[in-house]
Amino acid sequence: MSIVVVYQVNVVDWKQAKQQLKSVREKVFVYEMRIPYNVEFDRHDRKAYHVLVIEQGSEEPIATGRITSHGEISRVCVVMSKRKSPVGKEVIDALLNIARNNNLSEVYINSSLDAVGYFARHGFETVGSVFMEAGMPRQRMTCSLGQINFKRFYLSH
């Protein structure tokens, strides 16, 4: 049985979509992953480019992610009930399009350690040492936009 999710992917402004963006991130990062609220919502939200995915029919926000003007991809998440759908890949693709439209030549992500191999297989290279972020070990990884080829998606805070 295949899962069909009909949704709309939007690039949104923090001020206008703040409540919808927060609702997804609270469900995934604050409640599910136990990230402290004051860590999850930071000063970068106001200036970052955000992607918001809305499920058609219910009009519920189901996924989000952000990218800063200097190429940091973060806060990528999908609500639990939609993780088997391709919506996560759509968020990543939209963030990469934002990077390309802003003439960025490289992006980076602070990957969870269990996703390092995944990102390495898709052109990302590790940079520096493992560090702690929000109580979790992370590895910074960078990639030229010309090398990115995503087939699956992982949560990234």
N, C-alpha and C. Protein backbone atom coordinates (compact mmCIF):
# COMPACT_ATOMS: atom_id res chain seq x y z
N MET A 1 0.84 -1.18 0.00
CA MET A 1 0.00 0.00 0.00
C MET A 1 0.89 1.24 0.00
N SER A 2 0.66 2.15 -0.91
CA SER A 2 1.43 3.38 -0.96
C SER A 2 0.68 4.50 -0.25
N ILE A 3 1.44 5.43 0.28
CA ILE A 3 0.87 6.55 0.99
C ILE A 3 0.87 7.75 0.05
N VAL A 4 -0.28 8.35 -0.15
CA VAL A 4 -0.39 9.53 -1.00
C VAL A 4 -0.70 10.73 -0.12
N VAL A 5 0.19 11.70 -0.16
CA VAL A 5 -0.01 12.92 0.59
C VAL A 5 -0.02 14.06 -0.42
N VAL A 6 -1.09 14.83 -0.43
CA VAL A 6 -1.17 15.98 -1.31
C VAL A 6 -0.87 17.20 -0.45
N TYR A 7 0.11 17.96 -0.88
CA TYR A 7 0.55 19.09 -0.07
C TYR A 7 1.07 20.20 -0.97
N GLN A 8 1.22 21.36 -0.35
CA GLN A 8 1.74 22.53 -1.05
C GLN A 8 3.01 22.99 -0.33
N VAL A 9 4.09 23.18 -1.10
CA VAL A 9 5.37 23.63 -0.55
C VAL A 9 5.47 25.13 -0.81
N ASN A 10 5.68 25.89 0.26
CA ASN A 10 5.73 27.35 0.16
C ASN A 10 7.00 27.91 0.78
N VAL A 11 7.56 28.94 0.17
CA VAL A 11 8.60 29.73 0.81
C VAL A 11 7.85 30.86 1.52
N VAL A 12 8.08 30.98 2.82
CA VAL A 12 7.29 31.91 3.63
C VAL A 12 8.17 32.83 4.45
N ASP A 13 7.58 33.92 4.87
CA ASP A 13 8.23 34.89 5.75
C ASP A 13 7.93 34.52 7.19
N TRP A 14 8.92 34.63 8.06
CA TRP A 14 8.76 34.28 9.48
C TRP A 14 7.60 35.04 10.12
N LYS A 15 7.52 36.34 9.88
CA LYS A 15 6.46 37.14 10.52
C LYS A 15 5.07 36.67 10.13
N GLN A 16 4.89 36.35 8.88
CA GLN A 16 3.56 35.97 8.39
C GLN A 16 3.19 34.53 8.74
N ALA A 17 4.16 33.64 8.80
CA ALA A 17 3.86 32.21 9.01
C ALA A 17 4.38 31.68 10.33
N LYS A 18 4.72 32.56 11.23
CA LYS A 18 5.34 32.19 12.50
C LYS A 18 4.58 31.09 13.25
N GLN A 19 3.27 31.22 13.38
CA GLN A 19 2.50 30.25 14.16
C GLN A 19 2.51 28.87 13.51
N GLN A 20 2.41 28.82 12.19
CA GLN A 20 2.43 27.53 11.50
C GLN A 20 3.81 26.89 11.58
N LEU A 21 4.85 27.68 11.37
CA LEU A 21 6.22 27.16 11.48
C LEU A 21 6.47 26.63 12.88
N LYS A 22 6.06 27.41 13.88
CA LYS A 22 6.27 27.00 15.26
C LYS A 22 5.51 25.72 15.59
N SER A 23 4.31 25.57 15.05
CA SER A 23 3.52 24.39 15.42
C SER A 23 4.22 23.10 14.97
N VAL A 24 4.82 23.09 13.78
CA VAL A 24 5.53 21.91 13.31
C VAL A 24 6.78 21.68 14.14
N ARG A 25 7.57 22.72 14.32
CA ARG A 25 8.83 22.57 15.06
C ARG A 25 8.61 22.22 16.52
N GLU A 26 7.56 22.74 17.13
CA GLU A 26 7.26 22.36 18.51
C GLU A 26 6.93 20.87 18.60
N LYS A 27 6.09 20.38 17.69
CA LYS A 27 5.72 18.96 17.71
C LYS A 27 6.96 18.07 17.59
N VAL A 28 7.84 18.39 16.64
CA VAL A 28 8.97 17.52 16.36
C VAL A 28 10.14 17.76 17.31
N PHE A 29 10.60 19.00 17.40
CA PHE A 29 11.82 19.26 18.15
C PHE A 29 11.60 19.45 19.65
N VAL A 30 10.58 20.21 20.04
CA VAL A 30 10.38 20.49 21.47
C VAL A 30 9.75 19.30 22.18
N TYR A 31 8.64 18.77 21.63
CA TYR A 31 7.94 17.69 22.33
C TYR A 31 8.55 16.32 22.05
N GLU A 32 8.82 16.01 20.79
CA GLU A 32 9.31 14.68 20.43
C GLU A 32 10.79 14.51 20.78
N MET A 33 11.63 15.49 20.40
CA MET A 33 13.07 15.35 20.60
C MET A 33 13.57 16.03 21.88
N ARG A 34 12.69 16.73 22.58
CA ARG A 34 13.02 17.37 23.86
C ARG A 34 14.08 18.47 23.75
N ILE A 35 14.08 19.21 22.65
CA ILE A 35 14.96 20.37 22.49
C ILE A 35 14.34 21.50 23.30
N PRO A 36 15.09 22.19 24.13
CA PRO A 36 14.52 23.31 24.89
C PRO A 36 13.95 24.38 23.95
N TYR A 37 12.80 24.91 24.32
CA TYR A 37 12.10 25.90 23.50
C TYR A 37 13.00 27.08 23.15
N ASN A 38 13.74 27.59 24.12
CA ASN A 38 14.59 28.76 23.87
C ASN A 38 15.79 28.44 22.99
N VAL A 39 16.12 27.18 22.81
CA VAL A 39 17.18 26.77 21.89
C VAL A 39 16.58 26.59 20.49
N GLU A 40 15.41 26.00 20.44
CA GLU A 40 14.75 25.73 19.15
C GLU A 40 14.44 27.01 18.38
N PHE A 41 13.93 28.00 19.06
CA PHE A 41 13.55 29.26 18.40
C PHE A 41 14.60 30.30 18.74
N ASP A 42 15.38 30.68 17.74
CA ASP A 42 16.52 31.57 17.98
C ASP A 42 16.46 32.82 17.11
N ARG A 43 17.47 33.64 17.22
CA ARG A 43 17.51 34.91 16.50
C ARG A 43 17.59 34.74 14.99
N HIS A 44 18.00 33.57 14.51
CA HIS A 44 18.12 33.35 13.07
C HIS A 44 16.75 33.22 12.39
N ASP A 45 15.73 32.87 13.15
CA ASP A 45 14.40 32.69 12.55
C ASP A 45 13.92 33.94 11.82
N ARG A 46 14.14 35.10 12.39
CA ARG A 46 13.63 36.34 11.81
C ARG A 46 14.24 36.65 10.45
N LYS A 47 15.48 36.22 10.22
CA LYS A 47 16.18 36.56 8.98
C LYS A 47 16.32 35.41 7.99
N ALA A 48 16.06 34.20 8.43
CA ALA A 48 16.24 33.02 7.56
C ALA A 48 15.11 32.93 6.53
N TYR A 49 15.38 32.17 5.48
CA TYR A 49 14.35 31.80 4.52
C TYR A 49 13.72 30.52 5.05
N HIS A 50 12.40 30.47 5.05
CA HIS A 50 11.68 29.32 5.59
C HIS A 50 10.85 28.65 4.51
N VAL A 51 10.78 27.33 4.60
CA VAL A 51 9.90 26.54 3.75
C VAL A 51 8.84 25.94 4.67
N LEU A 52 7.60 26.03 4.25
CA LEU A 52 6.48 25.48 5.02
C LEU A 52 5.65 24.62 4.08
N VAL A 53 5.36 23.41 4.52
CA VAL A 53 4.54 22.50 3.73
C VAL A 53 3.19 22.36 4.42
N ILE A 54 2.14 22.59 3.65
CA ILE A 54 0.76 22.51 4.15
C ILE A 54 0.07 21.34 3.46
N GLU A 55 -0.56 20.49 4.25
CA GLU A 55 -1.34 19.39 3.68
C GLU A 55 -2.64 19.95 3.13
N GLN A 56 -2.91 19.63 1.88
CA GLN A 56 -4.14 20.12 1.27
C GLN A 56 -5.32 19.33 1.82
N GLY A 57 -6.41 19.99 1.96
CA GLY A 57 -7.60 19.37 2.55
C GLY A 57 -7.72 19.76 4.00
N SER A 58 -6.78 19.32 4.82
CA SER A 58 -6.82 19.66 6.24
C SER A 58 -6.23 21.04 6.50
N GLU A 59 -5.42 21.53 5.57
CA GLU A 59 -4.71 22.82 5.70
C GLU A 59 -3.76 22.83 6.91
N GLU A 60 -3.35 21.66 7.36
CA GLU A 60 -2.44 21.54 8.49
C GLU A 60 -0.99 21.67 8.03
N PRO A 61 -0.15 22.40 8.79
CA PRO A 61 1.28 22.42 8.48
C PRO A 61 1.90 21.08 8.85
N ILE A 62 2.68 20.49 7.91
CA ILE A 62 3.22 19.16 8.16
C ILE A 62 4.74 19.07 8.09
N ALA A 63 5.40 20.11 7.56
CA ALA A 63 6.86 20.06 7.46
C ALA A 63 7.41 21.47 7.30
N THR A 64 8.67 21.61 7.66
CA THR A 64 9.32 22.91 7.54
C THR A 64 10.84 22.73 7.51
N GLY A 65 11.51 23.79 7.20
CA GLY A 65 12.97 23.86 7.21
C GLY A 65 13.37 25.29 6.95
N ARG A 66 14.62 25.60 7.23
CA ARG A 66 15.08 26.97 6.98
C ARG A 66 16.51 26.95 6.45
N ILE A 67 16.87 28.05 5.80
CA ILE A 67 18.24 28.25 5.35
C ILE A 67 18.59 29.71 5.59
N THR A 68 19.77 29.94 6.12
CA THR A 68 20.21 31.31 6.36
C THR A 68 20.86 31.87 5.11
N SER A 69 21.06 33.15 5.08
CA SER A 69 21.66 33.81 3.91
C SER A 69 23.10 33.35 3.67
N HIS A 70 23.75 32.79 4.69
CA HIS A 70 25.11 32.29 4.50
C HIS A 70 25.15 30.77 4.25
N GLY A 71 23.97 30.15 4.02
CA GLY A 71 23.94 28.77 3.57
C GLY A 71 23.77 27.69 4.61
N GLU A 72 23.38 28.03 5.83
CA GLU A 72 23.17 26.99 6.84
C GLU A 72 21.75 26.44 6.72
N ILE A 73 21.65 25.16 6.43
CA ILE A 73 20.36 24.46 6.39
C ILE A 73 20.11 23.90 7.78
N SER A 74 18.92 24.18 8.32
CA SER A 74 18.62 23.68 9.67
C SER A 74 17.11 23.65 9.89
N ARG A 75 16.73 23.14 11.05
CA ARG A 75 15.34 23.07 11.49
C ARG A 75 14.44 22.35 10.49
N VAL A 76 15.00 21.35 9.81
CA VAL A 76 14.25 20.56 8.86
C VAL A 76 13.49 19.48 9.64
N CYS A 77 12.17 19.46 9.49
CA CYS A 77 11.40 18.44 10.20
C CYS A 77 10.07 18.17 9.50
N VAL A 78 9.57 16.98 9.75
CA VAL A 78 8.30 16.52 9.21
C VAL A 78 7.54 15.89 10.38
N VAL A 79 6.25 16.20 10.49
CA VAL A 79 5.47 15.58 11.57
C VAL A 79 5.49 14.07 11.41
N MET A 80 5.42 13.37 12.51
CA MET A 80 5.60 11.92 12.53
C MET A 80 4.69 11.19 11.54
N SER A 81 3.46 11.57 11.44
CA SER A 81 2.50 10.85 10.60
C SER A 81 2.78 10.98 9.10
N LYS A 82 3.68 11.88 8.70
CA LYS A 82 3.96 12.11 7.27
C LYS A 82 5.39 11.74 6.88
N ARG A 83 6.13 11.10 7.76
CA ARG A 83 7.54 10.82 7.49
C ARG A 83 7.78 9.76 6.42
N LYS A 84 6.79 8.96 6.09
CA LYS A 84 6.97 7.97 5.03
C LYS A 84 6.67 8.55 3.65
N SER A 85 6.22 9.78 3.62
CA SER A 85 5.93 10.45 2.35
C SER A 85 7.21 11.16 1.87
N PRO A 86 7.22 11.63 0.63
CA PRO A 86 8.40 12.34 0.11
C PRO A 86 8.48 13.80 0.52
N VAL A 87 7.68 14.22 1.47
CA VAL A 87 7.61 15.64 1.83
C VAL A 87 8.95 16.18 2.35
N GLY A 88 9.73 15.37 3.06
CA GLY A 88 11.03 15.81 3.57
C GLY A 88 11.98 16.17 2.44
N LYS A 89 12.01 15.35 1.41
CA LYS A 89 12.85 15.64 0.25
C LYS A 89 12.41 16.93 -0.42
N GLU A 90 11.11 17.18 -0.44
CA GLU A 90 10.59 18.42 -1.03
C GLU A 90 11.08 19.65 -0.24
N VAL A 91 11.15 19.53 1.08
CA VAL A 91 11.66 20.63 1.90
C VAL A 91 13.12 20.90 1.54
N ILE A 92 13.94 19.84 1.50
CA ILE A 92 15.36 19.99 1.17
C ILE A 92 15.51 20.60 -0.23
N ASP A 93 14.77 20.10 -1.20
CA ASP A 93 14.85 20.63 -2.56
C ASP A 93 14.50 22.12 -2.59
N ALA A 94 13.47 22.52 -1.86
CA ALA A 94 13.08 23.93 -1.83
C ALA A 94 14.17 24.78 -1.18
N LEU A 95 14.81 24.27 -0.13
CA LEU A 95 15.90 25.02 0.52
C LEU A 95 17.09 25.17 -0.42
N LEU A 96 17.39 24.12 -1.18
CA LEU A 96 18.49 24.18 -2.14
C LEU A 96 18.17 25.17 -3.27
N ASN A 97 16.92 25.22 -3.68
CA ASN A 97 16.53 26.21 -4.69
C ASN A 97 16.69 27.63 -4.17
N ILE A 98 16.37 27.84 -2.91
CA ILE A 98 16.57 29.16 -2.29
C ILE A 98 18.06 29.51 -2.33
N ALA A 99 18.91 28.55 -1.98
CA ALA A 99 20.36 28.79 -2.00
C ALA A 99 20.83 29.15 -3.40
N ARG A 100 20.36 28.41 -4.39
CA ARG A 100 20.75 28.70 -5.79
C ARG A 100 20.25 30.08 -6.21
N ASN A 101 19.01 30.42 -5.86
CA ASN A 101 18.45 31.72 -6.22
C ASN A 101 19.19 32.88 -5.55
N ASN A 102 19.87 32.58 -4.45
CA ASN A 102 20.66 33.59 -3.75
C ASN A 102 22.14 33.49 -4.11
N ASN A 103 22.43 32.76 -5.18
CA ASN A 103 23.78 32.64 -5.71
C ASN A 103 24.79 32.09 -4.70
N LEU A 104 24.34 31.20 -3.83
CA LEU A 104 25.26 30.55 -2.90
C LEU A 104 25.95 29.41 -3.64
N SER A 105 27.22 29.27 -3.43
CA SER A 105 27.96 28.19 -4.09
C SER A 105 28.08 26.97 -3.19
N GLU A 106 27.82 27.15 -1.90
CA GLU A 106 27.99 26.06 -0.94
C GLU A 106 26.94 26.18 0.16
N VAL A 107 26.51 25.06 0.69
CA VAL A 107 25.63 25.03 1.84
C VAL A 107 26.27 24.15 2.91
N TYR A 108 25.78 24.26 4.12
CA TYR A 108 26.27 23.38 5.17
C TYR A 108 25.14 23.00 6.11
N ILE A 109 25.37 21.92 6.80
CA ILE A 109 24.40 21.39 7.75
C ILE A 109 25.16 20.86 8.95
N ASN A 110 24.60 21.03 10.13
CA ASN A 110 25.16 20.43 11.34
C ASN A 110 24.40 19.12 11.55
N SER A 111 24.96 18.06 11.03
CA SER A 111 24.30 16.76 10.95
C SER A 111 24.37 16.01 12.27
N SER A 112 23.30 15.26 12.55
CA SER A 112 23.37 14.30 13.65
C SER A 112 24.35 13.22 13.22
N LEU A 113 25.00 12.58 14.17
CA LEU A 113 26.04 11.61 13.84
C LEU A 113 25.49 10.43 13.06
N ASP A 114 24.26 10.03 13.31
CA ASP A 114 23.71 8.89 12.57
C ASP A 114 23.41 9.21 11.11
N ALA A 115 23.42 10.48 10.73
CA ALA A 115 23.16 10.86 9.34
C ALA A 115 24.42 11.27 8.58
N VAL A 116 25.59 11.26 9.22
CA VAL A 116 26.83 11.68 8.57
C VAL A 116 27.12 10.83 7.33
N GLY A 117 27.01 9.53 7.45
CA GLY A 117 27.27 8.65 6.30
C GLY A 117 26.33 8.93 5.15
N TYR A 118 25.09 9.18 5.46
CA TYR A 118 24.09 9.51 4.45
C TYR A 118 24.50 10.77 3.68
N PHE A 119 24.81 11.83 4.41
CA PHE A 119 25.19 13.08 3.75
C PHE A 119 26.51 12.93 3.00
N ALA A 120 27.44 12.14 3.52
CA ALA A 120 28.72 11.91 2.83
C ALA A 120 28.49 11.22 1.49
N ARG A 121 27.56 10.28 1.44
CA ARG A 121 27.25 9.60 0.18
C ARG A 121 26.63 10.55 -0.85
N HIS A 122 26.18 11.69 -0.41
CA HIS A 122 25.53 12.65 -1.30
C HIS A 122 26.36 13.91 -1.50
N GLY A 123 27.67 13.79 -1.35
CA GLY A 123 28.56 14.88 -1.69
C GLY A 123 28.98 15.80 -0.56
N PHE A 124 28.47 15.59 0.63
CA PHE A 124 28.88 16.42 1.76
C PHE A 124 30.20 15.91 2.33
N GLU A 125 30.99 16.82 2.82
CA GLU A 125 32.26 16.48 3.47
C GLU A 125 32.26 17.01 4.89
N THR A 126 32.82 16.22 5.80
CA THR A 126 32.90 16.66 7.19
C THR A 126 33.92 17.78 7.31
N VAL A 127 33.63 18.69 8.25
CA VAL A 127 34.51 19.82 8.51
C VAL A 127 34.66 19.93 10.02
N GLY A 128 35.88 19.88 10.52
CA GLY A 128 36.12 20.05 11.95
C GLY A 128 35.74 18.84 12.77
N SER A 129 35.66 19.08 14.07
CA SER A 129 35.39 18.01 15.03
C SER A 129 33.90 17.94 15.38
N VAL A 130 33.53 16.83 15.96
CA VAL A 130 32.17 16.68 16.48
C VAL A 130 31.99 17.69 17.61
N PHE A 131 30.81 18.30 17.68
CA PHE A 131 30.52 19.27 18.72
C PHE A 131 29.10 19.01 19.25
N MET A 132 28.79 19.62 20.35
CA MET A 132 27.48 19.46 20.96
C MET A 132 26.59 20.65 20.58
N GLU A 133 25.36 20.33 20.21
CA GLU A 133 24.36 21.36 19.92
C GLU A 133 23.04 20.88 20.50
N ALA A 134 22.44 21.69 21.34
CA ALA A 134 21.17 21.34 21.98
C ALA A 134 21.24 19.97 22.67
N GLY A 135 22.40 19.68 23.27
CA GLY A 135 22.59 18.43 24.00
C GLY A 135 22.82 17.20 23.14
N MET A 136 23.03 17.40 21.83
CA MET A 136 23.25 16.27 20.92
C MET A 136 24.55 16.45 20.15
N PRO A 137 25.31 15.36 19.95
CA PRO A 137 26.53 15.47 19.16
C PRO A 137 26.20 15.74 17.69
N ARG A 138 26.97 16.64 17.09
CA ARG A 138 26.75 17.04 15.70
C ARG A 138 28.07 17.08 14.95
N GLN A 139 27.98 16.98 13.64
CA GLN A 139 29.14 17.10 12.77
C GLN A 139 28.78 18.10 11.67
N ARG A 140 29.59 19.14 11.53
CA ARG A 140 29.36 20.08 10.44
C ARG A 140 29.79 19.43 9.14
N MET A 141 28.95 19.62 8.11
CA MET A 141 29.23 19.07 6.79
C MET A 141 28.92 20.14 5.76
N THR A 142 29.76 20.24 4.75
CA THR A 142 29.54 21.21 3.69
C THR A 142 29.45 20.51 2.34
N CYS A 143 28.85 21.22 1.40
CA CYS A 143 28.73 20.66 0.06
C CYS A 143 28.54 21.78 -0.96
N SER A 144 29.21 21.63 -2.07
CA SER A 144 28.99 22.51 -3.21
C SER A 144 27.59 22.23 -3.74
N LEU A 145 26.87 23.26 -4.14
CA LEU A 145 25.51 23.04 -4.64
C LEU A 145 25.48 22.14 -5.85
N GLY A 146 26.52 22.12 -6.63
CA GLY A 146 26.57 21.26 -7.81
C GLY A 146 26.71 19.79 -7.47
N GLN A 147 27.02 19.43 -6.20
CA GLN A 147 27.24 18.04 -5.82
C GLN A 147 26.07 17.40 -5.09
N ILE A 148 25.04 18.15 -4.79
CA ILE A 148 23.96 17.62 -3.96
C ILE A 148 23.01 16.76 -4.78
N ASN A 149 22.70 15.58 -4.23
CA ASN A 149 21.78 14.65 -4.88
C ASN A 149 21.04 13.88 -3.78
N PHE A 150 19.89 14.40 -3.33
CA PHE A 150 19.16 13.77 -2.23
C PHE A 150 18.15 12.76 -2.74
N LYS A 151 18.16 11.59 -2.12
CA LYS A 151 17.17 10.58 -2.45
C LYS A 151 16.26 10.29 -1.26
N ARG A 152 16.74 10.50 -0.06
CA ARG A 152 15.96 10.30 1.15
C ARG A 152 16.23 11.45 2.08
N PHE A 153 15.48 11.53 3.14
CA PHE A 153 15.59 12.67 4.01
C PHE A 153 15.76 12.24 5.48
N TYR A 154 16.56 13.03 6.20
CA TYR A 154 16.75 12.83 7.63
C TYR A 154 16.37 14.11 8.35
N LEU A 155 15.91 13.98 9.58
CA LEU A 155 15.63 15.16 10.39
C LEU A 155 16.94 15.87 10.69
N SER A 156 16.92 17.17 10.65
CA SER A 156 18.10 17.95 10.98
C SER A 156 17.70 19.14 11.79
N HIS A 157 18.30 19.32 12.93
CA HIS A 157 17.96 20.43 13.80
C HIS A 157 18.88 21.59 13.54
